[in-house]
Amino acid sequence: LAQFIDFPHSLYQNDKNYVPEIFIGQRDLL
């Protein structure tokens, strides 16, 4: 689940327009 939430952070690590979701919010949502 943590890897699922974190995947976009790696995918967009070089994209200046990417905004990461708050981890604890996504964890509780899922």
Full PDB file with SEQRES, HELIX, SHEET, SSBOND, CRYST1, ORIGX, SCALE, CONECT and MASTER records, all heavy atoms in Angstrom:
SEQRES   1 A   30  LEU ALA GLN PHE ILE ASP PHE PRO HIS SER LEU TYR GLN          
SEQRES   2 A   30  ASN ASP LYS ASN TYR VAL PRO GLU ILE PHE ILE GLY GLN          
SEQRES   3 A   30  ARG ASP LEU LEU                                              
HELIX    1 AA1 ALA A    2  LEU A   11  1                                  10    
HELIX    2 AA2 PHE A   23  LEU A   29  1                                   7    
CRYST1    1.000    1.000    1.000  90.00  90.00  90.00 P 1           1          
ORIGX1      1.000000  0.000000  0.000000        0.00000                         
ORIGX2      0.000000  1.000000  0.000000        0.00000                         
ORIGX3      0.000000  0.000000  1.000000        0.00000                         
SCALE1      1.000000  0.000000  0.000000        0.00000                         
SCALE2      0.000000  1.000000  0.000000        0.00000                         
SCALE3      0.000000  0.000000  1.000000        0.00000                         
ATOM      1  N   LEU A   1       0.848  -1.208   0.000  1.00  0.00           N  
ATOM      2  CA  LEU A   1       0.000   0.000   0.000  1.00  0.00           C  
ATOM      3  C   LEU A   1       0.877   1.249   0.000  1.00  0.00           C  
ATOM      4  O   LEU A   1       0.615   2.204  -0.745  1.00  0.00           O  
ATOM      5  CB  LEU A   1      -0.923   0.001   1.209  1.00  0.00           C  
ATOM      6  CG  LEU A   1      -1.770   1.273   1.400  1.00  0.00           C  
ATOM      7  CD1 LEU A   1      -2.679   1.511   0.200  1.00  0.00           C  
ATOM      8  CD2 LEU A   1      -2.601   1.180   2.683  1.00  0.00           C  
ATOM      9  N   ALA A   2       1.918   1.253   0.808  1.00  0.00           N  
ATOM     10  CA  ALA A   2       2.837   2.395   0.826  1.00  0.00           C  
ATOM     11  C   ALA A   2       3.512   2.566  -0.533  1.00  0.00           C  
ATOM     12  O   ALA A   2       3.679   3.693  -1.015  1.00  0.00           O  
ATOM     13  CB  ALA A   2       3.885   2.202   1.924  1.00  0.00           C  
ATOM     14  N   GLN A   3       3.887   1.462  -1.169  1.00  0.00           N  
ATOM     15  CA  GLN A   3       4.502   1.531  -2.500  1.00  0.00           C  
ATOM     16  C   GLN A   3       3.502   2.058  -3.526  1.00  0.00           C  
ATOM     17  O   GLN A   3       3.869   2.822  -4.431  1.00  0.00           O  
ATOM     18  CB  GLN A   3       5.006   0.154  -2.907  1.00  0.00           C  
ATOM     19  CG  GLN A   3       6.183  -0.339  -2.076  1.00  0.00           C  
ATOM     20  CD  GLN A   3       6.549  -1.780  -2.393  1.00  0.00           C  
ATOM     21  OE1 GLN A   3       5.684  -2.617  -2.702  1.00  0.00           O  
ATOM     22  NE2 GLN A   3       7.838  -2.094  -2.323  1.00  0.00           N  
ATOM     23  N   PHE A   4       2.237   1.657  -3.393  1.00  0.00           N  
ATOM     24  CA  PHE A   4       1.164   2.135  -4.268  1.00  0.00           C  
ATOM     25  C   PHE A   4       1.040   3.656  -4.152  1.00  0.00           C  
ATOM     26  O   PHE A   4       0.960   4.368  -5.162  1.00  0.00           O  
ATOM     27  CB  PHE A   4      -0.147   1.457  -3.879  1.00  0.00           C  
ATOM     28  CG  PHE A   4      -1.325   1.798  -4.751  1.00  0.00           C  
ATOM     29  CD1 PHE A   4      -1.670   0.989  -5.815  1.00  0.00           C  
ATOM     30  CD2 PHE A   4      -2.099   2.925  -4.500  1.00  0.00           C  
ATOM     31  CE1 PHE A   4      -2.764   1.284  -6.624  1.00  0.00           C  
ATOM     32  CE2 PHE A   4      -3.190   3.246  -5.301  1.00  0.00           C  
ATOM     33  CZ  PHE A   4      -3.522   2.414  -6.370  1.00  0.00           C  
ATOM     34  N   ILE A   5       1.022   4.169  -2.920  1.00  0.00           N  
ATOM     35  CA  ILE A   5       0.880   5.609  -2.691  1.00  0.00           C  
ATOM     36  C   ILE A   5       2.101   6.368  -3.189  1.00  0.00           C  
ATOM     37  O   ILE A   5       1.995   7.465  -3.756  1.00  0.00           O  
ATOM     38  CB  ILE A   5       0.637   5.880  -1.197  1.00  0.00           C  
ATOM     39  CG1 ILE A   5      -0.692   5.256  -0.754  1.00  0.00           C  
ATOM     40  CG2 ILE A   5       0.641   7.384  -0.899  1.00  0.00           C  
ATOM     41  CD1 ILE A   5      -0.899   5.239   0.753  1.00  0.00           C  
ATOM     42  N   ASP A   6       3.275   5.778  -3.008  1.00  0.00           N  
ATOM     43  CA  ASP A   6       4.526   6.471  -3.328  1.00  0.00           C  
ATOM     44  C   ASP A   6       4.906   6.415  -4.798  1.00  0.00           C  
ATOM     45  O   ASP A   6       5.752   7.215  -5.244  1.00  0.00           O  
ATOM     46  CB  ASP A   6       5.675   5.887  -2.503  1.00  0.00           C  
ATOM     47  CG  ASP A   6       5.651   6.349  -1.058  1.00  0.00           C  
ATOM     48  OD1 ASP A   6       4.988   7.367  -0.769  1.00  0.00           O  
ATOM     49  OD2 ASP A   6       6.298   5.699  -0.220  1.00  0.00           O  
ATOM     50  N   PHE A   7       4.310   5.514  -5.577  1.00  0.00           N  
ATOM     51  CA  PHE A   7       4.751   5.354  -6.964  1.00  0.00           C  
ATOM     52  C   PHE A   7       4.744   6.660  -7.769  1.00  0.00           C  
ATOM     53  O   PHE A   7       5.720   6.961  -8.476  1.00  0.00           O  
ATOM     54  CB  PHE A   7       3.919   4.291  -7.689  1.00  0.00           C  
ATOM     55  CG  PHE A   7       4.173   4.251  -9.161  1.00  0.00           C  
ATOM     56  CD1 PHE A   7       5.386   3.809  -9.665  1.00  0.00           C  
ATOM     57  CD2 PHE A   7       3.217   4.701 -10.069  1.00  0.00           C  
ATOM     58  CE1 PHE A   7       5.645   3.797 -11.030  1.00  0.00           C  
ATOM     59  CE2 PHE A   7       3.458   4.694 -11.432  1.00  0.00           C  
ATOM     60  CZ  PHE A   7       4.676   4.243 -11.917  1.00  0.00           C  
ATOM     61  N   PRO A   8       3.687   7.483  -7.698  1.00  0.00           N  
ATOM     62  CA  PRO A   8       3.711   8.724  -8.495  1.00  0.00           C  
ATOM     63  C   PRO A   8       4.870   9.652  -8.130  1.00  0.00           C  
ATOM     64  O   PRO A   8       5.335  10.418  -8.972  1.00  0.00           O  
ATOM     65  CB  PRO A   8       2.353   9.378  -8.181  1.00  0.00           C  
ATOM     66  CG  PRO A   8       1.499   8.271  -7.696  1.00  0.00           C  
ATOM     67  CD  PRO A   8       2.414   7.328  -6.984  1.00  0.00           C  
ATOM     68  N   HIS A   9       5.334   9.601  -6.867  1.00  0.00           N  
ATOM     69  CA  HIS A   9       6.442  10.466  -6.470  1.00  0.00           C  
ATOM     70  C   HIS A   9       7.695  10.131  -7.275  1.00  0.00           C  
ATOM     71  O   HIS A   9       8.450  11.031  -7.674  1.00  0.00           O  
ATOM     72  CB  HIS A   9       6.739  10.317  -4.979  1.00  0.00           C  
ATOM     73  CG  HIS A   9       5.550  10.464  -4.085  1.00  0.00           C  
ATOM     74  ND1 HIS A   9       4.448  11.212  -4.424  1.00  0.00           N  
ATOM     75  CD2 HIS A   9       5.273   9.951  -2.852  1.00  0.00           C  
ATOM     76  CE1 HIS A   9       3.560  11.162  -3.438  1.00  0.00           C  
ATOM     77  NE2 HIS A   9       4.037  10.399  -2.489  1.00  0.00           N  
ATOM     78  N   SER A  10       7.894   8.850  -7.497  1.00  0.00           N  
ATOM     79  CA  SER A  10       9.054   8.433  -8.298  1.00  0.00           C  
ATOM     80  C   SER A  10       8.832   8.750  -9.769  1.00  0.00           C  
ATOM     81  O   SER A  10       9.742   9.222 -10.462  1.00  0.00           O  
ATOM     82  CB  SER A  10       9.305   6.933  -8.117  1.00  0.00           C  
ATOM     83  OG  SER A  10       9.549   6.617  -6.762  1.00  0.00           O  
ATOM     84  N   LEU A  11       7.612   8.504 -10.247  1.00  0.00           N  
ATOM     85  CA  LEU A  11       7.290   8.730 -11.652  1.00  0.00           C  
ATOM     86  C   LEU A  11       7.499  10.194 -12.042  1.00  0.00           C  
ATOM     87  O   LEU A  11       7.972  10.494 -13.143  1.00  0.00           O  
ATOM     88  CB  LEU A  11       5.842   8.305 -11.920  1.00  0.00           C  
ATOM     89  CG  LEU A  11       5.338   8.406 -13.360  1.00  0.00           C  
ATOM     90  CD1 LEU A  11       6.094   7.442 -14.268  1.00  0.00           C  
ATOM     91  CD2 LEU A  11       3.834   8.113 -13.414  1.00  0.00           C  
ATOM     92  N   TYR A  12       7.153  11.103 -11.143  1.00  0.00           N  
ATOM     93  CA  TYR A  12       7.185  12.536 -11.458  1.00  0.00           C  
ATOM     94  C   TYR A  12       8.294  13.284 -10.714  1.00  0.00           C  
ATOM     95  O   TYR A  12       8.212  14.505 -10.561  1.00  0.00           O  
ATOM     96  CB  TYR A  12       5.829  13.164 -11.119  1.00  0.00           C  
ATOM     97  CG  TYR A  12       4.719  12.695 -12.022  1.00  0.00           C  
ATOM     98  CD1 TYR A  12       3.763  11.789 -11.573  1.00  0.00           C  
ATOM     99  CD2 TYR A  12       4.638  13.139 -13.337  1.00  0.00           C  
ATOM    100  CE1 TYR A  12       2.744  11.350 -12.414  1.00  0.00           C  
ATOM    101  CE2 TYR A  12       3.629  12.711 -14.177  1.00  0.00           C  
ATOM    102  CZ  TYR A  12       2.685  11.818 -13.704  1.00  0.00           C  
ATOM    103  OH  TYR A  12       1.682  11.380 -14.533  1.00  0.00           O  
ATOM    104  N   GLN A  13       9.318  12.587 -10.307  1.00  0.00           N  
ATOM    105  CA  GLN A  13      10.352  13.221  -9.484  1.00  0.00           C  
ATOM    106  C   GLN A  13      11.064  14.372 -10.201  1.00  0.00           C  
ATOM    107  O   GLN A  13      11.600  15.274  -9.551  1.00  0.00           O  
ATOM    108  CB  GLN A  13      11.368  12.174  -9.029  1.00  0.00           C  
ATOM    109  CG  GLN A  13      12.098  11.464 -10.140  1.00  0.00           C  
ATOM    110  CD  GLN A  13      13.036  10.391  -9.609  1.00  0.00           C  
ATOM    111  OE1 GLN A  13      13.551  10.512  -8.495  1.00  0.00           O  
ATOM    112  NE2 GLN A  13      13.251   9.331 -10.369  1.00  0.00           N  
ATOM    113  N   ASN A  14      11.030  14.372 -11.525  1.00  0.00           N  
ATOM    114  CA  ASN A  14      11.691  15.440 -12.277  1.00  0.00           C  
ATOM    115  C   ASN A  14      10.710  16.412 -12.923  1.00  0.00           C  
ATOM    116  O   ASN A  14      11.097  17.222 -13.767  1.00  0.00           O  
ATOM    117  CB  ASN A  14      12.604  14.837 -13.353  1.00  0.00           C  
ATOM    118  CG  ASN A  14      13.724  14.005 -12.765  1.00  0.00           C  
ATOM    119  OD1 ASN A  14      14.333  14.391 -11.770  1.00  0.00           O  
ATOM    120  ND2 ASN A  14      13.981  12.842 -13.357  1.00  0.00           N  
ATOM    121  N   ASP A  15       9.432  16.331 -12.517  1.00  0.00           N  
ATOM    122  CA  ASP A  15       8.393  17.194 -13.078  1.00  0.00           C  
ATOM    123  C   ASP A  15       8.127  18.338 -12.104  1.00  0.00           C  
ATOM    124  O   ASP A  15       7.609  18.123 -11.004  1.00  0.00           O  
ATOM    125  CB  ASP A  15       7.114  16.383 -13.324  1.00  0.00           C  
ATOM    126  CG  ASP A  15       6.069  17.136 -14.120  1.00  0.00           C  
ATOM    127  OD1 ASP A  15       5.995  18.373 -13.976  1.00  0.00           O  
ATOM    128  OD2 ASP A  15       5.315  16.489 -14.872  1.00  0.00           O  
ATOM    129  N   LYS A  16       8.444  19.553 -12.515  1.00  0.00           N  
ATOM    130  CA  LYS A  16       8.317  20.711 -11.615  1.00  0.00           C  
ATOM    131  C   LYS A  16       6.871  21.047 -11.283  1.00  0.00           C  
ATOM    132  O   LYS A  16       6.608  21.790 -10.321  1.00  0.00           O  
ATOM    133  CB  LYS A  16       8.999  21.930 -12.228  1.00  0.00           C  
ATOM    134  CG  LYS A  16       8.390  22.411 -13.540  1.00  0.00           C  
ATOM    135  CD  LYS A  16       9.147  23.604 -14.103  1.00  0.00           C  
ATOM    136  CE  LYS A  16       8.596  24.072 -15.442  1.00  0.00           C  
ATOM    137  NZ  LYS A  16       7.226  24.550 -15.372  1.00  0.00           N  
ATOM    138  N   ASN A  17       5.908  20.513 -12.027  1.00  0.00           N  
ATOM    139  CA  ASN A  17       4.502  20.826 -11.776  1.00  0.00           C  
ATOM    140  C   ASN A  17       3.787  19.788 -10.921  1.00  0.00           C  
ATOM    141  O   ASN A  17       2.616  19.965 -10.576  1.00  0.00           O  
ATOM    142  CB  ASN A  17       3.754  20.968 -13.102  1.00  0.00           C  
ATOM    143  CG  ASN A  17       4.167  22.209 -13.868  1.00  0.00           C  
ATOM    144  OD1 ASN A  17       4.468  23.237 -13.279  1.00  0.00           O  
ATOM    145  ND2 ASN A  17       4.197  22.119 -15.184  1.00  0.00           N  
ATOM    146  N   TYR A  18       4.463  18.724 -10.577  1.00  0.00           N  
ATOM    147  CA  TYR A  18       3.831  17.653  -9.800  1.00  0.00           C  
ATOM    148  C   TYR A  18       3.708  18.042  -8.335  1.00  0.00           C  
ATOM    149  O   TYR A  18       4.646  18.565  -7.728  1.00  0.00           O  
ATOM    150  CB  TYR A  18       4.651  16.371  -9.928  1.00  0.00           C  
ATOM    151  CG  TYR A  18       4.191  15.265  -9.006  1.00  0.00           C  
ATOM    152  CD1 TYR A  18       2.966  14.629  -9.203  1.00  0.00           C  
ATOM    153  CD2 TYR A  18       4.978  14.866  -7.921  1.00  0.00           C  
ATOM    154  CE1 TYR A  18       2.540  13.627  -8.348  1.00  0.00           C  
ATOM    155  CE2 TYR A  18       4.562  13.859  -7.069  1.00  0.00           C  
ATOM    156  CZ  TYR A  18       3.338  13.245  -7.281  1.00  0.00           C  
ATOM    157  OH  TYR A  18       2.912  12.247  -6.432  1.00  0.00           O  
ATOM    158  N   VAL A  19       2.526  17.773  -7.750  1.00  0.00           N  
ATOM    159  CA  VAL A  19       2.284  18.021  -6.332  1.00  0.00           C  
ATOM    160  C   VAL A  19       1.922  16.694  -5.669  1.00  0.00           C  
ATOM    161  O   VAL A  19       0.902  16.093  -6.010  1.00  0.00           O  
ATOM    162  CB  VAL A  19       1.142  19.035  -6.112  1.00  0.00           C  
ATOM    163  CG1 VAL A  19       0.931  19.288  -4.617  1.00  0.00           C  
ATOM    164  CG2 VAL A  19       1.428  20.340  -6.838  1.00  0.00           C  
ATOM    165  N   PRO A  20       2.719  16.206  -4.729  1.00  0.00           N  
ATOM    166  CA  PRO A  20       2.424  14.911  -4.094  1.00  0.00           C  
ATOM    167  C   PRO A  20       1.226  14.999  -3.162  1.00  0.00           C  
ATOM    168  O   PRO A  20       1.033  15.996  -2.460  1.00  0.00           O  
ATOM    169  CB  PRO A  20       3.707  14.595  -3.324  1.00  0.00           C  
ATOM    170  CG  PRO A  20       4.327  15.925  -3.058  1.00  0.00           C  
ATOM    171  CD  PRO A  20       3.984  16.791  -4.232  1.00  0.00           C  
ATOM    172  N   GLU A  21       0.413  13.954  -3.169  1.00  0.00           N  
ATOM    173  CA  GLU A  21      -0.676  13.853  -2.200  1.00  0.00           C  
ATOM    174  C   GLU A  21      -0.081  13.609  -0.810  1.00  0.00           C  
ATOM    175  O   GLU A  21       0.996  13.028  -0.660  1.00  0.00           O  
ATOM    176  CB  GLU A  21      -1.600  12.686  -2.560  1.00  0.00           C  
ATOM    177  CG  GLU A  21      -2.327  12.850  -3.881  1.00  0.00           C  
ATOM    178  CD  GLU A  21      -3.595  13.661  -3.754  1.00  0.00           C  
ATOM    179  OE1 GLU A  21      -3.817  14.259  -2.675  1.00  0.00           O  
ATOM    180  OE2 GLU A  21      -4.374  13.691  -4.725  1.00  0.00           O  
ATOM    181  N   ILE A  22      -0.801  14.059   0.230  1.00  0.00           N  
ATOM    182  CA  ILE A  22      -0.356  13.817   1.600  1.00  0.00           C  
ATOM    183  C   ILE A  22      -0.470  12.325   1.900  1.00  0.00           C  
ATOM    184  O   ILE A  22      -1.537  11.724   1.745  1.00  0.00           O  
ATOM    185  CB  ILE A  22      -1.187  14.633   2.598  1.00  0.00           C  
ATOM    186  CG1 ILE A  22      -0.991  16.135   2.339  1.00  0.00           C  
ATOM    187  CG2 ILE A  22      -0.814  14.287   4.034  1.00  0.00           C  
ATOM    188  CD1 ILE A  22      -1.889  17.025   3.168  1.00  0.00           C  
ATOM    189  N   PHE A  23       0.611  11.718   2.337  1.00  0.00           N  
ATOM    190  CA  PHE A  23       0.671  10.266   2.494  1.00  0.00           C  
ATOM    191  C   PHE A  23      -0.397   9.746   3.457  1.00  0.00           C  
ATOM    192  O   PHE A  23      -1.116   8.795   3.136  1.00  0.00           O  
ATOM    193  CB  PHE A  23       2.065   9.842   2.984  1.00  0.00           C  
ATOM    194  CG  PHE A  23       2.189   8.356   3.192  1.00  0.00           C  
ATOM    195  CD1 PHE A  23       2.503   7.515   2.135  1.00  0.00           C  
ATOM    196  CD2 PHE A  23       1.980   7.793   4.442  1.00  0.00           C  
ATOM    197  CE1 PHE A  23       2.602   6.148   2.315  1.00  0.00           C  
ATOM    198  CE2 PHE A  23       2.065   6.423   4.640  1.00  0.00           C  
ATOM    199  CZ  PHE A  23       2.391   5.606   3.574  1.00  0.00           C  
ATOM    200  N   ILE A  24      -0.515  10.350   4.626  1.00  0.00           N  
ATOM    201  CA  ILE A  24      -1.458   9.808   5.607  1.00  0.00           C  
ATOM    202  C   ILE A  24      -2.899   9.943   5.127  1.00  0.00           C  
ATOM    203  O   ILE A  24      -3.749   9.093   5.432  1.00  0.00           O  
ATOM    204  CB  ILE A  24      -1.283  10.451   6.998  1.00  0.00           C  
ATOM    205  CG1 ILE A  24      -1.420  11.972   6.925  1.00  0.00           C  
ATOM    206  CG2 ILE A  24       0.049  10.056   7.601  1.00  0.00           C  
ATOM    207  CD1 ILE A  24      -1.376  12.646   8.298  1.00  0.00           C  
ATOM    208  N   GLY A  25      -3.176  10.985   4.352  1.00  0.00           N  
ATOM    209  CA  GLY A  25      -4.522  11.148   3.799  1.00  0.00           C  
ATOM    210  C   GLY A  25      -4.842  10.059   2.788  1.00  0.00           C  
ATOM    211  O   GLY A  25      -5.941   9.493   2.786  1.00  0.00           O  
ATOM    212  N   GLN A  26      -3.879   9.766   1.905  1.00  0.00           N  
ATOM    213  CA  GLN A  26      -4.072   8.702   0.913  1.00  0.00           C  
ATOM    214  C   GLN A  26      -4.158   7.340   1.588  1.00  0.00           C  
ATOM    215  O   GLN A  26      -4.967   6.494   1.202  1.00  0.00           O  
ATOM    216  CB  GLN A  26      -2.916   8.720  -0.085  1.00  0.00           C  
ATOM    217  CG  GLN A  26      -2.915   9.928  -1.003  1.00  0.00           C  
ATOM    218  CD  GLN A  26      -4.026   9.879  -2.035  1.00  0.00           C  
ATOM    219  OE1 GLN A  26      -3.936   9.172  -3.028  1.00  0.00           O  
ATOM    220  NE2 GLN A  26      -5.081  10.633  -1.802  1.00  0.00           N  
ATOM    221  N   ARG A  27      -3.338   7.124   2.589  1.00  0.00           N  
ATOM    222  CA  ARG A  27      -3.367   5.834   3.302  1.00  0.00           C  
ATOM    223  C   ARG A  27      -4.738   5.590   3.928  1.00  0.00           C  
ATOM    224  O   ARG A  27      -5.313   4.506   3.802  1.00  0.00           O  
ATOM    225  CB  ARG A  27      -2.283   5.829   4.390  1.00  0.00           C  
ATOM    226  CG  ARG A  27      -2.180   4.521   5.172  1.00  0.00           C  
ATOM    227  CD  ARG A  27      -1.396   4.741   6.453  1.00  0.00           C  
ATOM    228  NE  ARG A  27      -2.087   5.707   7.329  1.00  0.00           N  
ATOM    229  CZ  ARG A  27      -1.497   6.327   8.350  1.00  0.00           C  
ATOM    230  NH1 ARG A  27      -0.208   6.133   8.596  1.00  0.00           N  
ATOM    231  NH2 ARG A  27      -2.188   7.165   9.106  1.00  0.00           N  
ATOM    232  N   ASP A  28      -5.280   6.606   4.597  1.00  0.00           N  
ATOM    233  CA  ASP A  28      -6.587   6.435   5.228  1.00  0.00           C  
ATOM    234  C   ASP A  28      -7.691   6.285   4.183  1.00  0.00           C  
ATOM    235  O   ASP A  28      -8.639   5.511   4.374  1.00  0.00           O  
ATOM    236  CB  ASP A  28      -6.892   7.623   6.141  1.00  0.00           C  
ATOM    237  CG  ASP A  28      -6.026   7.634   7.389  1.00  0.00           C  
ATOM    238  OD1 ASP A  28      -5.285   6.653   7.606  1.00  0.00           O  
ATOM    239  OD2 ASP A  28      -6.082   8.626   8.143  1.00  0.00           O  
ATOM    240  N   LEU A  29      -7.585   7.026   3.075  1.00  0.00           N  
ATOM    241  CA  LEU A  29      -8.585   6.938   2.011  1.00  0.00           C  
ATOM    242  C   LEU A  29      -8.665   5.538   1.430  1.00  0.00           C  
ATOM    243  O   LEU A  29      -9.734   5.094   1.007  1.00  0.00           O  
ATOM    244  CB  LEU A  29      -8.249   7.947   0.910  1.00  0.00           C  
ATOM    245  CG  LEU A  29      -9.118   7.966  -0.348  1.00  0.00           C  
ATOM    246  CD1 LEU A  29     -10.576   8.277   0.005  1.00  0.00           C  
ATOM    247  CD2 LEU A  29      -8.588   8.989  -1.351  1.00  0.00           C  
ATOM    248  N   LEU A  30      -7.549   4.813   1.423  1.00  0.00           N  
ATOM    249  CA  LEU A  30      -7.474   3.509   0.771  1.00  0.00           C  
ATOM    250  C   LEU A  30      -7.517   2.337   1.755  1.00  0.00           C  
ATOM    251  O   LEU A  30      -7.332   1.193   1.349  1.00  0.00           O  
ATOM    252  CB  LEU A  30      -6.189   3.432  -0.060  1.00  0.00           C  
ATOM    253  CG  LEU A  30      -6.117   4.395  -1.249  1.00  0.00           C  
ATOM    254  CD1 LEU A  30      -4.717   4.424  -1.845  1.00  0.00           C  
ATOM    255  CD2 LEU A  30      -7.147   4.016  -2.309  1.00  0.00           C  
TER     256      LEU A  30                                                      
MASTER        0    0    0    2    0    0    0    6  255    1    0    3          
END                                                                             
